[in-house]
Amino acid sequence: IEKILEKIVTKALTPISTVSKKLAKKDSQRDWLKENLKV
């Protein structure tokens, strides 16, 4: 039950629409780039 509830909450907090998913991905990439990563 705890795992099912956790999945439901995670699913609810995850962007649902295609547009929001793309925006979330872009924001994540921007955060990486802001840190000016060097390997």
All heavy atoms as atom14 arrays in JSON, in Angstrom:
{
  "sequence": "IEKILEKIVTKALTPISTVSKKLAKKDSQRDWLKENLKV",
  "atom14_mask": [
    [1, 1, 1, 1, 1, 1, 1, 1, 0, 0, 0, 0, 0, 0],
    [1, 1, 1, 1, 1, 1, 1, 1, 1, 0, 0, 0, 0, 0],
    [1, 1, 1, 1, 1, 1, 1, 1, 1, 0, 0, 0, 0, 0],
    [1, 1, 1, 1, 1, 1, 1, 1, 0, 0, 0, 0, 0, 0],
    [1, 1, 1, 1, 1, 1, 1, 1, 0, 0, 0, 0, 0, 0],
    [1, 1, 1, 1, 1, 1, 1, 1, 1, 0, 0, 0, 0, 0],
    [1, 1, 1, 1, 1, 1, 1, 1, 1, 0, 0, 0, 0, 0],
    [1, 1, 1, 1, 1, 1, 1, 1, 0, 0, 0, 0, 0, 0],
    [1, 1, 1, 1, 1, 1, 1, 0, 0, 0, 0, 0, 0, 0],
    [1, 1, 1, 1, 1, 1, 1, 0, 0, 0, 0, 0, 0, 0],
    [1, 1, 1, 1, 1, 1, 1, 1, 1, 0, 0, 0, 0, 0],
    [1, 1, 1, 1, 1, 0, 0, 0, 0, 0, 0, 0, 0, 0],
    [1, 1, 1, 1, 1, 1, 1, 1, 0, 0, 0, 0, 0, 0],
    [1, 1, 1, 1, 1, 1, 1, 0, 0, 0, 0, 0, 0, 0],
    [1, 1, 1, 1, 1, 1, 1, 0, 0, 0, 0, 0, 0, 0],
    [1, 1, 1, 1, 1, 1, 1, 1, 0, 0, 0, 0, 0, 0],
    [1, 1, 1, 1, 1, 1, 0, 0, 0, 0, 0, 0, 0, 0],
    [1, 1, 1, 1, 1, 1, 1, 0, 0, 0, 0, 0, 0, 0],
    [1, 1, 1, 1, 1, 1, 1, 0, 0, 0, 0, 0, 0, 0],
    [1, 1, 1, 1, 1, 1, 0, 0, 0, 0, 0, 0, 0, 0],
    [1, 1, 1, 1, 1, 1, 1, 1, 1, 0, 0, 0, 0, 0],
    [1, 1, 1, 1, 1, 1, 1, 1, 1, 0, 0, 0, 0, 0],
    [1, 1, 1, 1, 1, 1, 1, 1, 0, 0, 0, 0, 0, 0],
    [1, 1, 1, 1, 1, 0, 0, 0, 0, 0, 0, 0, 0, 0],
    [1, 1, 1, 1, 1, 1, 1, 1, 1, 0, 0, 0, 0, 0],
    [1, 1, 1, 1, 1, 1, 1, 1, 1, 0, 0, 0, 0, 0],
    [1, 1, 1, 1, 1, 1, 1, 1, 0, 0, 0, 0, 0, 0],
    [1, 1, 1, 1, 1, 1, 0, 0, 0, 0, 0, 0, 0, 0],
    [1, 1, 1, 1, 1, 1, 1, 1, 1, 0, 0, 0, 0, 0],
    [1, 1, 1, 1, 1, 1, 1, 1, 1, 1, 1, 0, 0, 0],
    [1, 1, 1, 1, 1, 1, 1, 1, 0, 0, 0, 0, 0, 0],
    [1, 1, 1, 1, 1, 1, 1, 1, 1, 1, 1, 1, 1, 1],
    [1, 1, 1, 1, 1, 1, 1, 1, 0, 0, 0, 0, 0, 0],
    [1, 1, 1, 1, 1, 1, 1, 1, 1, 0, 0, 0, 0, 0],
    [1, 1, 1, 1, 1, 1, 1, 1, 1, 0, 0, 0, 0, 0],
    [1, 1, 1, 1, 1, 1, 1, 1, 0, 0, 0, 0, 0, 0],
    [1, 1, 1, 1, 1, 1, 1, 1, 0, 0, 0, 0, 0, 0],
    [1, 1, 1, 1, 1, 1, 1, 1, 1, 0, 0, 0, 0, 0],
    [1, 1, 1, 1, 1, 1, 1, 0, 0, 0, 0, 0, 0, 0]
  ],
  "atom14_positions": [
    [[0.83, -1.2, 0.0], [0.0, 0.0, 0.0], [0.86, 1.25, 0.0], [0.6, 2.22, -0.71], [-0.95, -0.01, 1.22], [-1.95, -1.16, 1.09], [-1.68, 1.33, 1.35], [-2.83, -1.36, 2.3], [0.0, 0.0, 0.0], [0.0, 0.0, 0.0], [0.0, 0.0, 0.0], [0.0, 0.0, 0.0], [0.0, 0.0, 0.0], [0.0, 0.0, 0.0]],
    [[1.95, 1.21, 0.81], [2.85, 2.36, 0.89], [3.51, 2.63, -0.47], [3.62, 3.79, -0.91], [3.93, 2.1, 1.94], [4.85, 3.29, 2.17], [5.88, 3.0, 3.25], [5.73, 1.99, 3.96], [6.82, 3.8, 3.4], [0.0, 0.0, 0.0], [0.0, 0.0, 0.0], [0.0, 0.0, 0.0], [0.0, 0.0, 0.0], [0.0, 0.0, 0.0]],
    [[3.92, 1.57, -1.16], [4.55, 1.74, -2.47], [3.55, 2.27, -3.5], [3.88, 3.12, -4.33], [5.13, 0.4, -2.95], [6.36, -0.04, -2.18], [6.88, -1.36, -2.7], [8.13, -1.8, -1.93], [8.63, -3.11, -2.39], [0.0, 0.0, 0.0], [0.0, 0.0, 0.0], [0.0, 0.0, 0.0], [0.0, 0.0, 0.0], [0.0, 0.0, 0.0]],
    [[2.31, 1.77, -3.43], [1.28, 2.23, -4.36], [1.0, 3.71, -4.15], [0.91, 4.49, -5.11], [-0.01, 1.4, -4.19], [0.23, -0.04, -4.66], [-1.16, 2.03, -4.96], [-0.9, -0.99, -4.33], [0.0, 0.0, 0.0], [0.0, 0.0, 0.0], [0.0, 0.0, 0.0], [0.0, 0.0, 0.0], [0.0, 0.0, 0.0], [0.0, 0.0, 0.0]],
    [[0.9, 4.12, -2.87], [0.67, 5.53, -2.57], [1.83, 6.39, -3.04], [1.64, 7.5, -3.57], [0.46, 5.72, -1.06], [-0.87, 5.16, -0.5], [-0.89, 5.3, 1.02], [-2.06, 5.89, -1.12], [0.0, 0.0, 0.0], [0.0, 0.0, 0.0], [0.0, 0.0, 0.0], [0.0, 0.0, 0.0], [0.0, 0.0, 0.0], [0.0, 0.0, 0.0]],
    [[3.06, 5.87, -2.85], [4.24, 6.62, -3.29], [4.24, 6.82, -4.8], [4.56, 7.9, -5.3], [5.51, 5.87, -2.86], [6.79, 6.62, -3.18], [8.02, 5.85, -2.73], [7.86, 4.86, -1.98], [9.13, 6.24, -3.1], [0.0, 0.0, 0.0], [0.0, 0.0, 0.0], [0.0, 0.0, 0.0], [0.0, 0.0, 0.0], [0.0, 0.0, 0.0]],
    [[3.85, 5.77, -5.54], [3.78, 5.88, -7.0], [2.71, 6.88, -7.42], [2.9, 7.64, -8.37], [3.49, 4.51, -7.61], [4.67, 3.55, -7.58], [4.34, 2.25, -8.26], [5.53, 1.3, -8.26], [5.22, 0.01, -8.91], [0.0, 0.0, 0.0], [0.0, 0.0, 0.0], [0.0, 0.0, 0.0], [0.0, 0.0, 0.0], [0.0, 0.0, 0.0]],
    [[1.58, 6.86, -6.69], [0.5, 7.78, -7.04], [0.93, 9.22, -6.83], [0.7, 10.1, -7.66], [-0.76, 7.46, -6.18], [-1.33, 6.1, -6.59], [-1.81, 8.56, -6.35], [-2.45, 5.62, -5.7], [0.0, 0.0, 0.0], [0.0, 0.0, 0.0], [0.0, 0.0, 0.0], [0.0, 0.0, 0.0], [0.0, 0.0, 0.0], [0.0, 0.0, 0.0]],
    [[1.61, 9.47, -5.68], [2.08, 10.82, -5.39], [3.11, 11.27, -6.41], [3.09, 12.4, -6.92], [2.66, 10.89, -3.96], [3.32, 12.25, -3.72], [1.57, 10.66, -2.93], [0.0, 0.0, 0.0], [0.0, 0.0, 0.0], [0.0, 0.0, 0.0], [0.0, 0.0, 0.0], [0.0, 0.0, 0.0], [0.0, 0.0, 0.0], [0.0, 0.0, 0.0]],
    [[4.06, 10.36, -6.74], [5.1, 10.69, -7.72], [4.48, 11.0, -9.08], [4.89, 11.95, -9.76], [6.08, 9.51, -7.86], [6.62, 9.22, -6.58], [7.22, 9.87, -8.81], [0.0, 0.0, 0.0], [0.0, 0.0, 0.0], [0.0, 0.0, 0.0], [0.0, 0.0, 0.0], [0.0, 0.0, 0.0], [0.0, 0.0, 0.0], [0.0, 0.0, 0.0]],
    [[3.48, 10.19, -9.45], [2.82, 10.39, -10.73], [2.09, 11.73, -10.75], [2.07, 12.44, -11.76], [1.83, 9.25, -10.97], [1.28, 9.19, -12.38], [2.33, 8.71, -13.35], [1.78, 8.54, -14.74], [2.8, 8.14, -15.71], [0.0, 0.0, 0.0], [0.0, 0.0, 0.0], [0.0, 0.0, 0.0], [0.0, 0.0, 0.0], [0.0, 0.0, 0.0]],
    [[1.51, 12.08, -9.58], [0.76, 13.33, -9.51], [1.67, 14.54, -9.62], [1.29, 15.58, -10.16], [-0.02, 13.38, -8.2], [0.0, 0.0, 0.0], [0.0, 0.0, 0.0], [0.0, 0.0, 0.0], [0.0, 0.0, 0.0], [0.0, 0.0, 0.0], [0.0, 0.0, 0.0], [0.0, 0.0, 0.0], [0.0, 0.0, 0.0], [0.0, 0.0, 0.0]],
    [[2.91, 14.39, -9.1], [3.84, 15.51, -9.13], [4.64, 15.59, -10.41], [5.33, 16.57, -10.67], [4.81, 15.41, -7.94], [4.17, 15.55, -6.55], [5.22, 15.34, -5.48], [3.49, 16.9, -6.39], [0.0, 0.0, 0.0], [0.0, 0.0, 0.0], [0.0, 0.0, 0.0], [0.0, 0.0, 0.0], [0.0, 0.0, 0.0], [0.0, 0.0, 0.0]],
    [[4.58, 14.53, -11.24], [5.32, 14.52, -12.51], [4.52, 15.27, -13.57], [3.31, 15.12, -13.64], [5.53, 13.06, -12.97], [6.23, 12.37, -11.94], [6.37, 13.02, -14.24], [0.0, 0.0, 0.0], [0.0, 0.0, 0.0], [0.0, 0.0, 0.0], [0.0, 0.0, 0.0], [0.0, 0.0, 0.0], [0.0, 0.0, 0.0], [0.0, 0.0, 0.0]],
    [[5.19, 16.08, -14.39], [4.47, 16.79, -15.45], [3.71, 15.81, -16.34], [4.26, 14.8, -16.77], [5.6, 17.48, -16.23], [6.7, 17.61, -15.26], [6.61, 16.42, -14.36], [0.0, 0.0, 0.0], [0.0, 0.0, 0.0], [0.0, 0.0, 0.0], [0.0, 0.0, 0.0], [0.0, 0.0, 0.0], [0.0, 0.0, 0.0], [0.0, 0.0, 0.0]],
    [[2.43, 16.11, -16.6], [1.59, 15.18, -17.34], [1.62, 15.45, -18.83], [1.78, 14.55, -19.64], [0.14, 15.27, -16.81], [0.12, 14.89, -15.32], [-0.79, 14.37, -17.6], [-1.22, 15.1, -14.66], [0.0, 0.0, 0.0], [0.0, 0.0, 0.0], [0.0, 0.0, 0.0], [0.0, 0.0, 0.0], [0.0, 0.0, 0.0], [0.0, 0.0, 0.0]],
    [[1.49, 16.69, -19.22], [1.41, 17.01, -20.64], [2.78, 16.97, -21.3], [3.8, 17.09, -20.64], [0.8, 18.4, -20.82], [1.69, 19.38, -20.32], [0.0, 0.0, 0.0], [0.0, 0.0, 0.0], [0.0, 0.0, 0.0], [0.0, 0.0, 0.0], [0.0, 0.0, 0.0], [0.0, 0.0, 0.0], [0.0, 0.0, 0.0], [0.0, 0.0, 0.0]],
    [[2.78, 16.79, -22.61], [4.03, 16.76, -23.37], [4.76, 18.08, -23.25], [5.99, 18.13, -23.12], [3.73, 16.46, -24.84], [2.97, 15.27, -24.93], [5.02, 16.3, -25.63], [0.0, 0.0, 0.0], [0.0, 0.0, 0.0], [0.0, 0.0, 0.0], [0.0, 0.0, 0.0], [0.0, 0.0, 0.0], [0.0, 0.0, 0.0], [0.0, 0.0, 0.0]],
    [[4.0, 19.18, -23.28], [4.62, 20.51, -23.21], [5.32, 20.7, -21.88], [6.47, 21.15, -21.81], [3.54, 21.6, -23.4], [4.15, 22.98, -23.21], [2.92, 21.49, -24.79], [0.0, 0.0, 0.0], [0.0, 0.0, 0.0], [0.0, 0.0, 0.0], [0.0, 0.0, 0.0], [0.0, 0.0, 0.0], [0.0, 0.0, 0.0], [0.0, 0.0, 0.0]],
    [[4.64, 20.32, -20.77], [5.25, 20.5, -19.45], [6.47, 19.61, -19.28], [7.43, 19.98, -18.62], [4.22, 20.2, -18.36], [3.75, 18.87, -18.47], [0.0, 0.0, 0.0], [0.0, 0.0, 0.0], [0.0, 0.0, 0.0], [0.0, 0.0, 0.0], [0.0, 0.0, 0.0], [0.0, 0.0, 0.0], [0.0, 0.0, 0.0], [0.0, 0.0, 0.0]],
    [[6.45, 18.4, -19.89], [7.62, 17.53, -19.83], [8.81, 18.16, -20.52], [9.94, 18.13, -20.03], [7.31, 16.18, -20.47], [6.46, 15.27, -19.6], [6.22, 13.94, -20.29], [5.37, 13.03, -19.42], [5.13, 11.73, -20.07], [0.0, 0.0, 0.0], [0.0, 0.0, 0.0], [0.0, 0.0, 0.0], [0.0, 0.0, 0.0], [0.0, 0.0, 0.0]],
    [[8.57, 18.76, -21.69], [9.65, 19.41, -22.42], [10.21, 20.59, -21.64], [11.42, 20.8, -21.57], [9.14, 19.87, -23.79], [8.89, 18.73, -24.77], [8.42, 19.26, -26.1], [8.2, 18.12, -27.1], [7.71, 18.63, -28.39], [0.0, 0.0, 0.0], [0.0, 0.0, 0.0], [0.0, 0.0, 0.0], [0.0, 0.0, 0.0], [0.0, 0.0, 0.0]],
    [[9.29, 21.36, -21.03], [9.74, 22.51, -20.24], [10.56, 22.06, -19.05], [11.57, 22.67, -18.7], [8.52, 23.31, -19.77], [7.78, 24.1, -20.87], [6.53, 24.73, -20.3], [8.69, 25.16, -21.47], [0.0, 0.0, 0.0], [0.0, 0.0, 0.0], [0.0, 0.0, 0.0], [0.0, 0.0, 0.0], [0.0, 0.0, 0.0], [0.0, 0.0, 0.0]],
    [[10.11, 20.97, -18.39], [10.86, 20.46, -17.23], [12.24, 20.0, -17.65], [13.22, 20.23, -16.95], [10.08, 19.3, -16.59], [0.0, 0.0, 0.0], [0.0, 0.0, 0.0], [0.0, 0.0, 0.0], [0.0, 0.0, 0.0], [0.0, 0.0, 0.0], [0.0, 0.0, 0.0], [0.0, 0.0, 0.0], [0.0, 0.0, 0.0], [0.0, 0.0, 0.0]],
    [[12.33, 19.34, -18.82], [13.63, 18.87, -19.31], [14.54, 20.04, -19.61], [15.73, 20.04, -19.28], [13.41, 18.01, -20.55], [14.68, 17.33, -21.04], [14.38, 16.41, -22.19], [15.64, 15.71, -22.67], [15.37, 14.81, -23.8], [0.0, 0.0, 0.0], [0.0, 0.0, 0.0], [0.0, 0.0, 0.0], [0.0, 0.0, 0.0], [0.0, 0.0, 0.0]],
    [[13.99, 21.09, -20.24], [14.79, 22.26, -20.57], [15.28, 22.96, -19.31], [16.42, 23.4, -19.22], [13.97, 23.23, -21.42], [13.75, 22.76, -22.85], [12.96, 23.77, -23.64], [12.74, 23.3, -25.09], [11.93, 24.26, -25.85], [0.0, 0.0, 0.0], [0.0, 0.0, 0.0], [0.0, 0.0, 0.0], [0.0, 0.0, 0.0], [0.0, 0.0, 0.0]],
    [[14.4, 23.07, -18.3], [14.8, 23.71, -17.05], [15.92, 22.93, -16.37], [16.86, 23.51, -15.83], [13.6, 23.79, -16.09], [12.57, 24.81, -16.58], [12.96, 25.68, -17.39], [11.4, 24.73, -16.17], [0.0, 0.0, 0.0], [0.0, 0.0, 0.0], [0.0, 0.0, 0.0], [0.0, 0.0, 0.0], [0.0, 0.0, 0.0], [0.0, 0.0, 0.0]],
    [[15.82, 21.58, -16.43], [16.88, 20.76, -15.84], [18.21, 20.99, -16.55], [19.26, 21.11, -15.93], [16.48, 19.28, -15.91], [17.51, 18.47, -15.44], [0.0, 0.0, 0.0], [0.0, 0.0, 0.0], [0.0, 0.0, 0.0], [0.0, 0.0, 0.0], [0.0, 0.0, 0.0], [0.0, 0.0, 0.0], [0.0, 0.0, 0.0], [0.0, 0.0, 0.0]],
    [[18.15, 21.07, -17.89], [19.38, 21.29, -18.66], [19.95, 22.67, -18.35], [21.17, 22.84, -18.25], [19.08, 21.17, -20.15], [18.8, 19.74, -20.59], [18.4, 19.66, -22.04], [18.07, 20.66, -22.67], [18.43, 18.45, -22.59], [0.0, 0.0, 0.0], [0.0, 0.0, 0.0], [0.0, 0.0, 0.0], [0.0, 0.0, 0.0], [0.0, 0.0, 0.0]],
    [[19.06, 23.66, -18.18], [19.55, 24.99, -17.87], [20.27, 25.0, -16.52], [21.28, 25.69, -16.34], [18.37, 25.97, -17.82], [17.8, 26.3, -19.19], [16.9, 27.5, -19.11], [16.09, 27.62, -20.3], [14.81, 27.29, -20.37], [14.2, 26.81, -19.3], [14.14, 27.43, -21.49], [0.0, 0.0, 0.0], [0.0, 0.0, 0.0], [0.0, 0.0, 0.0]],
    [[19.73, 24.25, -15.56], [20.38, 24.19, -14.24], [21.78, 23.61, -14.36], [22.72, 24.08, -13.72], [19.54, 23.33, -13.28], [18.23, 24.03, -12.93], [18.17, 25.26, -13.09], [17.28, 23.34, -12.51], [0.0, 0.0, 0.0], [0.0, 0.0, 0.0], [0.0, 0.0, 0.0], [0.0, 0.0, 0.0], [0.0, 0.0, 0.0], [0.0, 0.0, 0.0]],
    [[21.93, 22.55, -15.18], [23.26, 21.97, -15.4], [24.19, 23.0, -16.04], [25.33, 23.16, -15.62], [23.15, 20.74, -16.31], [22.71, 19.5, -15.59], [21.45, 19.04, -15.45], [23.54, 18.57, -14.91], [21.44, 17.89, -14.72], [22.71, 17.57, -14.39], [24.92, 18.46, -14.7], [23.19, 16.49, -13.67], [25.4, 17.38, -13.98], [24.54, 16.42, -13.47]],
    [[23.68, 23.69, -17.07], [24.53, 24.63, -17.78], [24.92, 25.82, -16.91], [26.0, 26.37, -17.04], [23.8, 25.12, -19.04], [23.6, 24.06, -20.13], [22.71, 24.61, -21.23], [24.94, 23.6, -20.7], [0.0, 0.0, 0.0], [0.0, 0.0, 0.0], [0.0, 0.0, 0.0], [0.0, 0.0, 0.0], [0.0, 0.0, 0.0], [0.0, 0.0, 0.0]],
    [[24.02, 26.22, -16.02], [24.32, 27.32, -15.13], [25.52, 27.0, -14.24], [26.26, 27.88, -13.82], [23.1, 27.64, -14.25], [22.01, 28.4, -14.98], [20.82, 28.63, -14.07], [19.68, 29.31, -14.82], [18.48, 29.46, -13.97], [0.0, 0.0, 0.0], [0.0, 0.0, 0.0], [0.0, 0.0, 0.0], [0.0, 0.0, 0.0], [0.0, 0.0, 0.0]],
    [[25.7, 25.74, -13.94], [26.81, 25.35, -13.09], [28.13, 25.32, -13.85], [29.18, 25.12, -13.26], [26.53, 23.97, -12.47], [25.36, 23.98, -11.5], [25.28, 22.69, -10.73], [26.34, 22.16, -10.33], [24.16, 22.18, -10.51], [0.0, 0.0, 0.0], [0.0, 0.0, 0.0], [0.0, 0.0, 0.0], [0.0, 0.0, 0.0], [0.0, 0.0, 0.0]],
    [[28.09, 25.5, -15.17], [29.31, 25.55, -15.99], [30.18, 24.32, -15.72], [31.32, 24.42, -15.27], [30.08, 26.84, -15.67], [31.15, 27.12, -16.7], [31.21, 26.49, -17.75], [32.02, 28.07, -16.39], [0.0, 0.0, 0.0], [0.0, 0.0, 0.0], [0.0, 0.0, 0.0], [0.0, 0.0, 0.0], [0.0, 0.0, 0.0], [0.0, 0.0, 0.0]],
    [[29.62, 23.16, -16.03], [30.29, 21.9, -15.72], [31.53, 21.68, -16.58], [31.53, 21.96, -17.77], [29.33, 20.73, -15.94], [28.12, 20.64, -15.02], [27.3, 19.43, -15.39], [28.54, 20.57, -13.58], [0.0, 0.0, 0.0], [0.0, 0.0, 0.0], [0.0, 0.0, 0.0], [0.0, 0.0, 0.0], [0.0, 0.0, 0.0], [0.0, 0.0, 0.0]],
    [[32.56, 21.14, -15.93], [33.79, 20.75, -16.62], [34.18, 19.37, -16.12], [34.27, 19.14, -14.91], [34.91, 21.75, -16.35], [34.63, 23.16, -16.88], [35.77, 24.1, -16.54], [35.51, 25.5, -17.11], [34.37, 26.16, -16.44], [0.0, 0.0, 0.0], [0.0, 0.0, 0.0], [0.0, 0.0, 0.0], [0.0, 0.0, 0.0], [0.0, 0.0, 0.0]],
    [[34.41, 18.47, -17.07], [34.74, 17.08, -16.73], [36.24, 16.86, -16.87], [36.83, 17.21, -17.9], [33.97, 16.1, -17.64], [34.29, 14.66, -17.25], [32.47, 16.34, -17.53], [0.0, 0.0, 0.0], [0.0, 0.0, 0.0], [0.0, 0.0, 0.0], [0.0, 0.0, 0.0], [0.0, 0.0, 0.0], [0.0, 0.0, 0.0], [0.0, 0.0, 0.0]]
  ]
}
